[in-house]
Amino acid sequence: MEKVDYCGLMSGKRVDKSEIFEVFYGDLETAPMIVGCPICMECRLIQTIELPTHYLFVGEIIASYADENYLSDGGIDTK
């Protein structure tokens, strides 16, 4: 939780956050996902929109990866 909080507080423009977590790659081999996250969604970048204070990234979900403990009836159990 400490690492997640840190990443939310620090701007990627000021701090390199690339080595905070252990990552793995899925089908695209270009979208890093965090090892240990119960659910990861692999996305392909479709468009980057520059706004006055930040960027908005628009993507397409290519695949999802989930720990079996978080699945129910073949899908993600949102409860």
C-alpha atoms as a PDB file:
ATOM      1  CA  MET A   1       0.000   0.000   0.000  1.00  0.00           C
ATOM      2  CA  GLU A   2       2.922   2.311   0.744  1.00  0.00           C
ATOM      3  CA  LYS A   3       4.300   1.951  -2.799  1.00  0.00           C
ATOM      4  CA  VAL A   4       0.891   2.560  -4.380  1.00  0.00           C
ATOM      5  CA  ASP A   5       0.393   5.666  -2.256  1.00  0.00           C
ATOM      6  CA  TYR A   6       3.837   6.967  -3.235  1.00  0.00           C
ATOM      7  CA  CYS A   7       3.098   6.461  -6.934  1.00  0.00           C
ATOM      8  CA  GLY A   8      -0.157   8.360  -6.588  1.00  0.00           C
ATOM      9  CA  LEU A   9       1.533  11.289  -4.866  1.00  0.00           C
ATOM     10  CA  MET A  10       4.593  11.659  -7.111  1.00  0.00           C
ATOM     11  CA  SER A  11       4.509  12.924 -10.686  1.00  0.00           C
ATOM     12  CA  GLY A  12       6.160  10.737 -13.301  1.00  0.00           C
ATOM     13  CA  LYS A  13       7.622  13.942 -14.740  1.00  0.00           C
ATOM     14  CA  ARG A  14       9.683  14.415 -11.577  1.00  0.00           C
ATOM     15  CA  VAL A  15      10.347  10.880 -10.335  1.00  0.00           C
ATOM     16  CA  ASP A  16      11.261   7.643 -12.165  1.00  0.00           C
ATOM     17  CA  LYS A  17       8.756   5.121 -10.800  1.00  0.00           C
ATOM     18  CA  SER A  18       9.722   2.338 -13.226  1.00  0.00           C
ATOM     19  CA  GLU A  19      11.555   0.184 -10.680  1.00  0.00           C
ATOM     20  CA  ILE A  20       9.210   0.464  -7.706  1.00  0.00           C
ATOM     21  CA  PHE A  21       7.330  -2.727  -8.579  1.00  0.00           C
ATOM     22  CA  GLU A  22       8.290  -6.049 -10.150  1.00  0.00           C
ATOM     23  CA  VAL A  23       6.579  -6.224 -13.545  1.00  0.00           C
ATOM     24  CA  PHE A  24       5.600  -8.807 -16.144  1.00  0.00           C
ATOM     25  CA  TYR A  25       4.512  -8.500 -19.773  1.00  0.00           C
ATOM     26  CA  GLY A  26       1.605 -10.150 -21.560  1.00  0.00           C
ATOM     27  CA  ASP A  27       0.620 -10.585 -25.203  1.00  0.00           C
ATOM     28  CA  LEU A  28       1.686  -7.115 -26.383  1.00  0.00           C
ATOM     29  CA  GLU A  29       5.095  -7.416 -24.706  1.00  0.00           C
ATOM     30  CA  THR A  30       5.075  -3.614 -24.289  1.00  0.00           C
ATOM     31  CA  ALA A  31       2.567  -3.004 -21.482  1.00  0.00           C
ATOM     32  CA  PRO A  32       4.175  -3.538 -18.053  1.00  0.00           C
ATOM     33  CA  MET A  33       1.869  -4.983 -15.378  1.00  0.00           C
ATOM     34  CA  ILE A  34       2.590  -5.355 -11.678  1.00  0.00           C
ATOM     35  CA  VAL A  35       3.397  -8.810 -10.307  1.00  0.00           C
ATOM     36  CA  GLY A  36       1.289  -9.366  -7.199  1.00  0.00           C
ATOM     37  CA  CYS A  37      -1.706  -7.292  -8.312  1.00  0.00           C
ATOM     38  CA  PRO A  38      -4.818  -9.434  -8.047  1.00  0.00           C
ATOM     39  CA  ILE A  39      -6.135  -8.117 -11.392  1.00  0.00           C
ATOM     40  CA  CYS A  40      -4.197  -6.574 -14.311  1.00  0.00           C
ATOM     41  CA  MET A  41      -5.576  -5.323 -17.609  1.00  0.00           C
ATOM     42  CA  GLU A  42      -3.229  -5.145 -20.577  1.00  0.00           C
ATOM     43  CA  CYS A  43      -3.970  -2.112 -22.734  1.00  0.00           C
ATOM     44  CA  ARG A  44      -2.911  -0.841 -26.124  1.00  0.00           C
ATOM     45  CA  LEU A  45      -2.474   2.939 -26.368  1.00  0.00           C
ATOM     46  CA  ILE A  46      -4.871   4.380 -28.933  1.00  0.00           C
ATOM     47  CA  GLN A  47      -4.488   8.120 -28.387  1.00  0.00           C
ATOM     48  CA  THR A  48      -2.713  10.624 -26.136  1.00  0.00           C
ATOM     49  CA  ILE A  49      -4.519  13.909 -25.504  1.00  0.00           C
ATOM     50  CA  GLU A  50      -2.522  16.796 -24.048  1.00  0.00           C
ATOM     51  CA  LEU A  51      -4.509  18.838 -21.537  1.00  0.00           C
ATOM     52  CA  PRO A  52      -3.379  22.020 -19.739  1.00  0.00           C
ATOM     53  CA  THR A  53      -2.116  20.189 -16.630  1.00  0.00           C
ATOM     54  CA  HIS A  54      -1.725  16.546 -17.673  1.00  0.00           C
ATOM     55  CA  TYR A  55      -2.147  13.982 -20.415  1.00  0.00           C
ATOM     56  CA  LEU A  56      -5.217  11.833 -21.013  1.00  0.00           C
ATOM     57  CA  PHE A  57      -4.410   8.367 -22.359  1.00  0.00           C
ATOM     58  CA  VAL A  58      -7.099   6.505 -24.319  1.00  0.00           C
ATOM     59  CA  GLY A  59      -6.565   2.781 -24.619  1.00  0.00           C
ATOM     60  CA  GLU A  60      -8.087  -0.544 -25.590  1.00  0.00           C
ATOM     61  CA  ILE A  61      -8.052  -3.506 -23.197  1.00  0.00           C
ATOM     62  CA  ILE A  62      -6.322  -6.384 -24.994  1.00  0.00           C
ATOM     63  CA  ALA A  63      -6.248  -8.982 -22.206  1.00  0.00           C
ATOM     64  CA  SER A  64      -6.863  -9.287 -18.491  1.00  0.00           C
ATOM     65  CA  TYR A  65      -5.019 -11.354 -15.918  1.00  0.00           C
ATOM     66  CA  ALA A  66      -6.474 -12.275 -12.546  1.00  0.00           C
ATOM     67  CA  ASP A  67      -5.597 -14.382  -9.537  1.00  0.00           C
ATOM     68  CA  GLU A  68      -8.045 -17.304  -9.423  1.00  0.00           C
ATOM     69  CA  ASN A  69      -9.155 -16.183  -5.948  1.00  0.00           C
ATOM     70  CA  TYR A  70     -10.846 -13.178  -7.586  1.00  0.00           C
ATOM     71  CA  LEU A  71     -12.781 -15.087 -10.245  1.00  0.00           C
ATOM     72  CA  SER A  72     -16.338 -16.356 -10.127  1.00  0.00           C
ATOM     73  CA  ASP A  73     -18.277 -18.158 -12.885  1.00  0.00           C
ATOM     74  CA  GLY A  74     -15.475 -17.508 -15.406  1.00  0.00           C
ATOM     75  CA  GLY A  75     -15.261 -13.761 -14.777  1.00  0.00           C
ATOM     76  CA  ILE A  76     -13.962 -11.254 -12.266  1.00  0.00           C
ATOM     77  CA  ASP A  77     -15.916 -11.257  -9.007  1.00  0.00           C
ATOM     78  CA  THR A  78     -16.502  -7.534  -8.349  1.00  0.00           C
ATOM     79  CA  LYS A  79     -17.498  -8.190  -4.752  1.00  0.00           C
END
